[in-house]
PDB file of all heavy atoms in Angstrom:
ATOM      1  N   ALA A   1      -5.240  -1.284  -6.274  1.00  0.00           N
ATOM      2  CA  ALA A   1      -4.007  -0.813  -5.637  1.00  0.00           C
ATOM      3  C   ALA A   1      -2.784  -1.455  -6.273  1.00  0.00           C
ATOM      4  O   ALA A   1      -2.829  -2.600  -6.715  1.00  0.00           O
ATOM      5  CB  ALA A   1      -4.043  -1.153  -4.148  1.00  0.00           C
ATOM      6  N   GLN A   2      -1.710  -0.710  -6.314  1.00  0.00           N
ATOM      7  CA  GLN A   2      -0.459  -1.197  -6.854  1.00  0.00           C
ATOM      8  C   GLN A   2       0.519  -1.398  -5.699  1.00  0.00           C
ATOM      9  O   GLN A   2       0.437  -0.745  -4.671  1.00  0.00           O
ATOM     10  CB  GLN A   2       0.120  -0.182  -7.855  1.00  0.00           C
ATOM     11  CG  GLN A   2      -0.797   0.090  -9.039  1.00  0.00           C
ATOM     12  CD  GLN A   2      -0.992  -1.162  -9.861  1.00  0.00           C
ATOM     13  OE1 GLN A   2      -0.034  -1.918 -10.049  1.00  0.00           O
ATOM     14  NE2 GLN A   2      -2.200  -1.390 -10.346  1.00  0.00           N
ATOM     15  N   PRO A   3       1.488  -2.287  -5.871  1.00  0.00           N
ATOM     16  CA  PRO A   3       2.439  -2.547  -4.783  1.00  0.00           C
ATOM     17  C   PRO A   3       3.342  -1.359  -4.535  1.00  0.00           C
ATOM     18  O   PRO A   3       3.697  -0.631  -5.449  1.00  0.00           O
ATOM     19  CB  PRO A   3       3.231  -3.758  -5.297  1.00  0.00           C
ATOM     20  CG  PRO A   3       3.069  -3.718  -6.778  1.00  0.00           C
ATOM     21  CD  PRO A   3       1.715  -3.126  -7.025  1.00  0.00           C
ATOM     22  N   VAL A   4       3.713  -1.179  -3.294  1.00  0.00           N
ATOM     23  CA  VAL A   4       4.687  -0.157  -2.900  1.00  0.00           C
ATOM     24  C   VAL A   4       6.008  -0.859  -2.653  1.00  0.00           C
ATOM     25  O   VAL A   4       6.096  -1.708  -1.771  1.00  0.00           O
ATOM     26  CB  VAL A   4       4.219   0.577  -1.628  1.00  0.00           C
ATOM     27  CG1 VAL A   4       5.282   1.582  -1.197  1.00  0.00           C
ATOM     28  CG2 VAL A   4       2.887   1.253  -1.881  1.00  0.00           C
ATOM     29  N   ILE A   5       7.017  -0.528  -3.444  1.00  0.00           N
ATOM     30  CA  ILE A   5       8.291  -1.230  -3.373  1.00  0.00           C
ATOM     31  C   ILE A   5       9.353  -0.281  -2.838  1.00  0.00           C
ATOM     32  O   ILE A   5       9.495   0.840  -3.321  1.00  0.00           O
ATOM     33  CB  ILE A   5       8.714  -1.748  -4.761  1.00  0.00           C
ATOM     34  CG1 ILE A   5       7.582  -2.613  -5.358  1.00  0.00           C
ATOM     35  CG2 ILE A   5      10.022  -2.519  -4.707  1.00  0.00           C
ATOM     36  CD1 ILE A   5       7.837  -3.046  -6.781  1.00  0.00           C
ATOM     37  N   SER A   6      10.107  -0.712  -1.875  1.00  0.00           N
ATOM     38  CA  SER A   6      11.178   0.120  -1.338  1.00  0.00           C
ATOM     39  C   SER A   6      12.411  -0.738  -1.133  1.00  0.00           C
ATOM     40  O   SER A   6      12.307  -1.899  -0.782  1.00  0.00           O
ATOM     41  CB  SER A   6      10.739   0.767  -0.004  1.00  0.00           C
ATOM     42  OG  SER A   6      10.422  -0.232   0.935  1.00  0.00           O
ATOM     43  N   ALA A   7      13.583  -0.102  -1.379  1.00  0.00           N
ATOM     44  CA  ALA A   7      14.820  -0.851  -1.190  1.00  0.00           C
ATOM     45  C   ALA A   7      15.951   0.127  -0.956  1.00  0.00           C
ATOM     46  O   ALA A   7      15.879   1.283  -1.353  1.00  0.00           O
ATOM     47  CB  ALA A   7      15.113  -1.714  -2.416  1.00  0.00           C
ATOM     48  N   SER A   8      17.057  -0.340  -0.353  1.00  0.00           N
ATOM     49  CA  SER A   8      18.236   0.501  -0.157  1.00  0.00           C
ATOM     50  C   SER A   8      19.471  -0.354  -0.390  1.00  0.00           C
ATOM     51  O   SER A   8      19.525  -1.491   0.068  1.00  0.00           O
ATOM     52  CB  SER A   8      18.246   1.106   1.260  1.00  0.00           C
ATOM     53  OG  SER A   8      18.259   0.086   2.215  1.00  0.00           O
ATOM     54  N   GLY A   9      20.422   0.232  -1.082  1.00  0.00           N
ATOM     55  CA  GLY A   9      21.660  -0.494  -1.345  1.00  0.00           C
ATOM     56  C   GLY A   9      21.386  -1.759  -2.126  1.00  0.00           C
ATOM     57  O   GLY A   9      20.536  -1.818  -2.995  1.00  0.00           O
ATOM     58  N   SER A  10      22.113  -2.781  -1.750  1.00  0.00           N
ATOM     59  CA  SER A  10      21.970  -4.063  -2.431  1.00  0.00           C
ATOM     60  C   SER A  10      21.060  -5.020  -1.686  1.00  0.00           C
ATOM     61  O   SER A  10      20.967  -6.183  -1.997  1.00  0.00           O
ATOM     62  CB  SER A  10      23.347  -4.698  -2.606  1.00  0.00           C
ATOM     63  OG  SER A  10      23.939  -4.907  -1.342  1.00  0.00           O
ATOM     64  N   ALA A  11      20.427  -4.526  -0.669  1.00  0.00           N
ATOM     65  CA  ALA A  11      19.561  -5.382   0.147  1.00  0.00           C
ATOM     66  C   ALA A  11      18.396  -5.883  -0.673  1.00  0.00           C
ATOM     67  O   ALA A  11      17.916  -5.221  -1.575  1.00  0.00           O
ATOM     68  CB  ALA A  11      19.045  -4.606   1.357  1.00  0.00           C
ATOM     69  N   SER A  12      17.958  -7.074  -0.322  1.00  0.00           N
ATOM     70  CA  SER A  12      16.777  -7.637  -0.998  1.00  0.00           C
ATOM     71  C   SER A  12      15.568  -6.800  -0.633  1.00  0.00           C
ATOM     72  O   SER A  12      15.302  -6.543   0.539  1.00  0.00           O
ATOM     73  CB  SER A  12      16.561  -9.086  -0.550  1.00  0.00           C
ATOM     74  OG  SER A  12      17.678  -9.880  -0.898  1.00  0.00           O
ATOM     75  N   PRO A  13      14.838  -6.372  -1.656  1.00  0.00           N
ATOM     76  CA  PRO A  13      13.705  -5.479  -1.370  1.00  0.00           C
ATOM     77  C   PRO A  13      12.535  -6.208  -0.714  1.00  0.00           C
ATOM     78  O   PRO A  13      12.321  -7.378  -0.952  1.00  0.00           O
ATOM     79  CB  PRO A  13      13.312  -4.977  -2.760  1.00  0.00           C
ATOM     80  CG  PRO A  13      13.718  -6.096  -3.678  1.00  0.00           C
ATOM     81  CD  PRO A  13      14.972  -6.664  -3.077  1.00  0.00           C
ATOM     82  N   THR A  14      11.842  -5.483   0.134  1.00  0.00           N
ATOM     83  CA  THR A  14      10.602  -5.981   0.733  1.00  0.00           C
ATOM     84  C   THR A  14       9.439  -5.349   0.014  1.00  0.00           C
ATOM     85  O   THR A  14       9.375  -4.123  -0.097  1.00  0.00           O
ATOM     86  CB  THR A  14      10.517  -5.637   2.231  1.00  0.00           C
ATOM     87  OG1 THR A  14      11.628  -6.259   2.886  1.00  0.00           O
ATOM     88  CG2 THR A  14       9.213  -6.137   2.826  1.00  0.00           C
ATOM     89  N   ILE A  15       8.569  -6.163  -0.504  1.00  0.00           N
ATOM     90  CA  ILE A  15       7.422  -5.646  -1.247  1.00  0.00           C
ATOM     91  C   ILE A  15       6.213  -5.614  -0.329  1.00  0.00           C
ATOM     92  O   ILE A  15       5.799  -6.629   0.218  1.00  0.00           O
ATOM     93  CB  ILE A  15       7.128  -6.540  -2.473  1.00  0.00           C
ATOM     94  CG1 ILE A  15       8.384  -6.651  -3.349  1.00  0.00           C
ATOM     95  CG2 ILE A  15       5.956  -6.017  -3.258  1.00  0.00           C
ATOM     96  CD1 ILE A  15       8.223  -7.603  -4.500  1.00  0.00           C
ATOM     97  N   LYS A  16       5.664  -4.433  -0.113  1.00  0.00           N
ATOM     98  CA  LYS A  16       4.486  -4.272   0.729  1.00  0.00           C
ATOM     99  C   LYS A  16       3.288  -3.973  -0.153  1.00  0.00           C
ATOM    100  O   LYS A  16       3.339  -3.078  -0.984  1.00  0.00           O
ATOM    101  CB  LYS A  16       4.695  -3.147   1.735  1.00  0.00           C
ATOM    102  CG  LYS A  16       5.819  -3.420   2.723  1.00  0.00           C
ATOM    103  CD  LYS A  16       5.927  -2.307   3.748  1.00  0.00           C
ATOM    104  CE  LYS A  16       7.034  -2.608   4.744  1.00  0.00           C
ATOM    105  NZ  LYS A  16       7.157  -1.545   5.770  1.00  0.00           N
ATOM    106  N   VAL A  17       2.269  -4.725   0.028  1.00  0.00           N
ATOM    107  CA  VAL A  17       1.074  -4.568  -0.797  1.00  0.00           C
ATOM    108  C   VAL A  17      -0.099  -4.169   0.082  1.00  0.00           C
ATOM    109  O   VAL A  17      -0.348  -4.782   1.115  1.00  0.00           O
ATOM    110  CB  VAL A  17       0.734  -5.886  -1.537  1.00  0.00           C
ATOM    111  CG1 VAL A  17      -0.470  -5.692  -2.441  1.00  0.00           C
ATOM    112  CG2 VAL A  17       1.937  -6.353  -2.347  1.00  0.00           C
ATOM    113  N   SER A  18      -0.756  -3.090  -0.316  1.00  0.00           N
ATOM    114  CA  SER A  18      -1.968  -2.674   0.394  1.00  0.00           C
ATOM    115  C   SER A  18      -3.138  -2.902  -0.548  1.00  0.00           C
ATOM    116  O   SER A  18      -3.336  -2.157  -1.506  1.00  0.00           O
ATOM    117  CB  SER A  18      -1.877  -1.196   0.781  1.00  0.00           C
ATOM    118  OG  SER A  18      -3.090  -0.771   1.363  1.00  0.00           O
ATOM    119  N   VAL A  19      -3.878  -3.969  -0.319  1.00  0.00           N
ATOM    120  CA  VAL A  19      -4.965  -4.366  -1.221  1.00  0.00           C
ATOM    121  C   VAL A  19      -6.225  -4.658  -0.417  1.00  0.00           C
ATOM    122  O   VAL A  19      -6.165  -5.335   0.594  1.00  0.00           O
ATOM    123  CB  VAL A  19      -4.580  -5.621  -2.034  1.00  0.00           C
ATOM    124  CG1 VAL A  19      -5.716  -6.010  -2.984  1.00  0.00           C
ATOM    125  CG2 VAL A  19      -3.303  -5.384  -2.817  1.00  0.00           C
ATOM    126  N   THR A  20      -7.304  -4.117  -0.880  1.00  0.00           N
ATOM    127  CA  THR A  20      -8.611  -4.437  -0.280  1.00  0.00           C
ATOM    128  C   THR A  20      -9.280  -5.468  -1.158  1.00  0.00           C
ATOM    129  O   THR A  20      -9.546  -5.213  -2.330  1.00  0.00           O
ATOM    130  CB  THR A  20      -9.515  -3.199  -0.179  1.00  0.00           C
ATOM    131  OG1 THR A  20      -8.849  -2.222   0.617  1.00  0.00           O
ATOM    132  CG2 THR A  20     -10.857  -3.549   0.432  1.00  0.00           C
ATOM    133  N   ILE A  21      -9.519  -6.647  -0.601  1.00  0.00           N
ATOM    134  CA  ILE A  21     -10.095  -7.743  -1.370  1.00  0.00           C
ATOM    135  C   ILE A  21     -11.577  -7.860  -1.045  1.00  0.00           C
ATOM    136  O   ILE A  21     -11.963  -7.974   0.114  1.00  0.00           O
ATOM    137  CB  ILE A  21      -9.387  -9.068  -1.047  1.00  0.00           C
ATOM    138  CG1 ILE A  21      -7.901  -8.950  -1.414  1.00  0.00           C
ATOM    139  CG2 ILE A  21     -10.034 -10.233  -1.782  1.00  0.00           C
ATOM    140  CD1 ILE A  21      -7.104 -10.175  -1.066  1.00  0.00           C
ATOM    141  N   LYS A  22     -12.344  -7.798  -2.103  1.00  0.00           N
ATOM    142  CA  LYS A  22     -13.793  -7.951  -1.933  1.00  0.00           C
ATOM    143  C   LYS A  22     -14.131  -9.435  -1.967  1.00  0.00           C
ATOM    144  O   LYS A  22     -13.927 -10.091  -2.980  1.00  0.00           O
ATOM    145  CB  LYS A  22     -14.532  -7.223  -3.058  1.00  0.00           C
ATOM    146  CG  LYS A  22     -16.045  -7.256  -2.897  1.00  0.00           C
ATOM    147  CD  LYS A  22     -16.728  -6.488  -4.022  1.00  0.00           C
ATOM    148  CE  LYS A  22     -18.232  -6.512  -3.841  1.00  0.00           C
ATOM    149  NZ  LYS A  22     -18.916  -5.786  -4.937  1.00  0.00           N
ATOM    150  N   PRO A  23     -14.597  -9.980  -0.852  1.00  0.00           N
ATOM    151  CA  PRO A  23     -14.849 -11.420  -0.828  1.00  0.00           C
ATOM    152  C   PRO A  23     -15.946 -11.820  -1.803  1.00  0.00           C
ATOM    153  O   PRO A  23     -16.898 -11.087  -2.023  1.00  0.00           O
ATOM    154  CB  PRO A  23     -15.296 -11.689   0.624  1.00  0.00           C
ATOM    155  CG  PRO A  23     -15.789 -10.362   1.099  1.00  0.00           C
ATOM    156  CD  PRO A  23     -14.970  -9.334   0.384  1.00  0.00           C
ATOM    157  N   THR A  24     -15.745 -12.978  -2.398  1.00  0.00           N
ATOM    158  CA  THR A  24     -16.768 -13.500  -3.305  1.00  0.00           C
ATOM    159  C   THR A  24     -18.029 -13.781  -2.528  1.00  0.00           C
ATOM    160  O   THR A  24     -18.003 -14.409  -1.477  1.00  0.00           O
ATOM    161  CB  THR A  24     -16.274 -14.802  -3.961  1.00  0.00           C
ATOM    162  OG1 THR A  24     -15.052 -14.525  -4.627  1.00  0.00           O
ATOM    163  CG2 THR A  24     -17.301 -15.336  -4.965  1.00  0.00           C
ATOM    164  N   SER A  25     -19.145 -13.284  -3.026  1.00  0.00           N
ATOM    165  CA  SER A  25     -20.410 -13.448  -2.301  1.00  0.00           C
ATOM    166  C   SER A  25     -20.874 -14.889  -2.387  1.00  0.00           C
ATOM    167  O   SER A  25     -20.711 -15.563  -3.391  1.00  0.00           O
ATOM    168  CB  SER A  25     -21.489 -12.534  -2.908  1.00  0.00           C
ATOM    169  OG  SER A  25     -21.687 -12.862  -4.259  1.00  0.00           O
ATOM    170  N   THR A  26     -21.414 -15.349  -1.291  1.00  0.00           N
ATOM    171  CA  THR A  26     -21.960 -16.702  -1.219  1.00  0.00           C
ATOM    172  C   THR A  26     -23.437 -16.617  -0.943  1.00  0.00           C
ATOM    173  O   THR A  26     -23.859 -15.947  -0.002  1.00  0.00           O
ATOM    174  CB  THR A  26     -21.277 -17.496  -0.085  1.00  0.00           C
ATOM    175  OG1 THR A  26     -19.875 -17.510  -0.340  1.00  0.00           O
ATOM    176  CG2 THR A  26     -21.827 -18.914  -0.014  1.00  0.00           C
ATOM    177  N   THR A  27     -24.202 -17.278  -1.753  1.00  0.00           N
ATOM    178  CA  THR A  27     -25.644 -17.242  -1.550  1.00  0.00           C
ATOM    179  C   THR A  27     -26.003 -18.152  -0.392  1.00  0.00           C
ATOM    180  O   THR A  27     -25.696 -19.341  -0.401  1.00  0.00           O
ATOM    181  CB  THR A  27     -26.381 -17.718  -2.811  1.00  0.00           C
ATOM    182  OG1 THR A  27     -25.990 -16.877  -3.892  1.00  0.00           O
ATOM    183  CG2 THR A  27     -27.894 -17.658  -2.621  1.00  0.00           C
ATOM    184  N   VAL A  28     -26.642 -17.601   0.614  1.00  0.00           N
ATOM    185  CA  VAL A  28     -27.021 -18.351   1.803  1.00  0.00           C
ATOM    186  C   VAL A  28     -28.528 -18.311   1.943  1.00  0.00           C
ATOM    187  O   VAL A  28     -29.121 -17.233   1.869  1.00  0.00           O
ATOM    188  CB  VAL A  28     -26.379 -17.734   3.077  1.00  0.00           C
ATOM    189  CG1 VAL A  28     -26.800 -18.524   4.298  1.00  0.00           C
ATOM    190  CG2 VAL A  28     -24.871 -17.730   2.924  1.00  0.00           C
ATOM    191  N   PRO A  29     -29.174 -19.441   2.140  1.00  0.00           N
ATOM    192  CA  PRO A  29     -30.637 -19.414   2.287  1.00  0.00           C
ATOM    193  C   PRO A  29     -31.050 -18.522   3.431  1.00  0.00           C
ATOM    194  O   PRO A  29     -30.401 -18.483   4.464  1.00  0.00           O
ATOM    195  CB  PRO A  29     -30.976 -20.892   2.565  1.00  0.00           C
ATOM    196  CG  PRO A  29     -29.797 -21.659   2.033  1.00  0.00           C
ATOM    197  CD  PRO A  29     -28.611 -20.762   2.212  1.00  0.00           C
ATOM    198  N   SER A  30     -32.135 -17.806   3.252  1.00  0.00           N
ATOM    199  CA  SER A  30     -32.615 -16.887   4.281  1.00  0.00           C
ATOM    200  C   SER A  30     -33.488 -17.551   5.297  1.00  0.00           C
ATOM    201  O   SER A  30     -33.953 -16.931   6.230  1.00  0.00           O
ATOM    202  CB  SER A  30     -33.408 -15.736   3.621  1.00  0.00           C
ATOM    203  OG  SER A  30     -34.502 -16.254   2.894  1.00  0.00           O
ATOM    204  N   LYS A  31     -33.730 -18.858   5.114  1.00  0.00           N
ATOM    205  CA  LYS A  31     -34.567 -19.554   6.075  1.00  0.00           C
ATOM    206  C   LYS A  31     -33.987 -20.932   6.326  1.00  0.00           C
ATOM    207  O   LYS A  31     -33.022 -21.359   5.711  1.00  0.00           O
ATOM    208  CB  LYS A  31     -36.005 -19.671   5.565  1.00  0.00           C
ATOM    209  CG  LYS A  31     -36.100 -20.433   4.232  1.00  0.00           C
ATOM    210  CD  LYS A  31     -37.549 -20.520   3.773  1.00  0.00           C
ATOM    211  CE  LYS A  31     -37.652 -21.306   2.466  1.00  0.00           C
ATOM    212  NZ  LYS A  31     -39.051 -21.420   2.024  1.00  0.00           N
ATOM    213  N   THR A  32     -34.587 -21.638   7.229  1.00  0.00           N
ATOM    214  CA  THR A  32     -34.141 -22.967   7.569  1.00  0.00           C
ATOM    215  C   THR A  32     -34.181 -23.858   6.350  1.00  0.00           C
ATOM    216  O   THR A  32     -35.159 -23.859   5.622  1.00  0.00           O
ATOM    217  CB  THR A  32     -35.075 -23.548   8.656  1.00  0.00           C
ATOM    218  OG1 THR A  32     -35.027 -22.676   9.776  1.00  0.00           O
ATOM    219  CG2 THR A  32     -34.605 -24.947   9.067  1.00  0.00           C
TER     220      THR A  32
END
């Protein structure tokens, strides 16, 4: 995804980012 940038006049723009982050997988033992 790319950022969506919007602004009007001389106002400081607000950058809205819609990003889906895939968490890094962690190996977890399947038993005690």
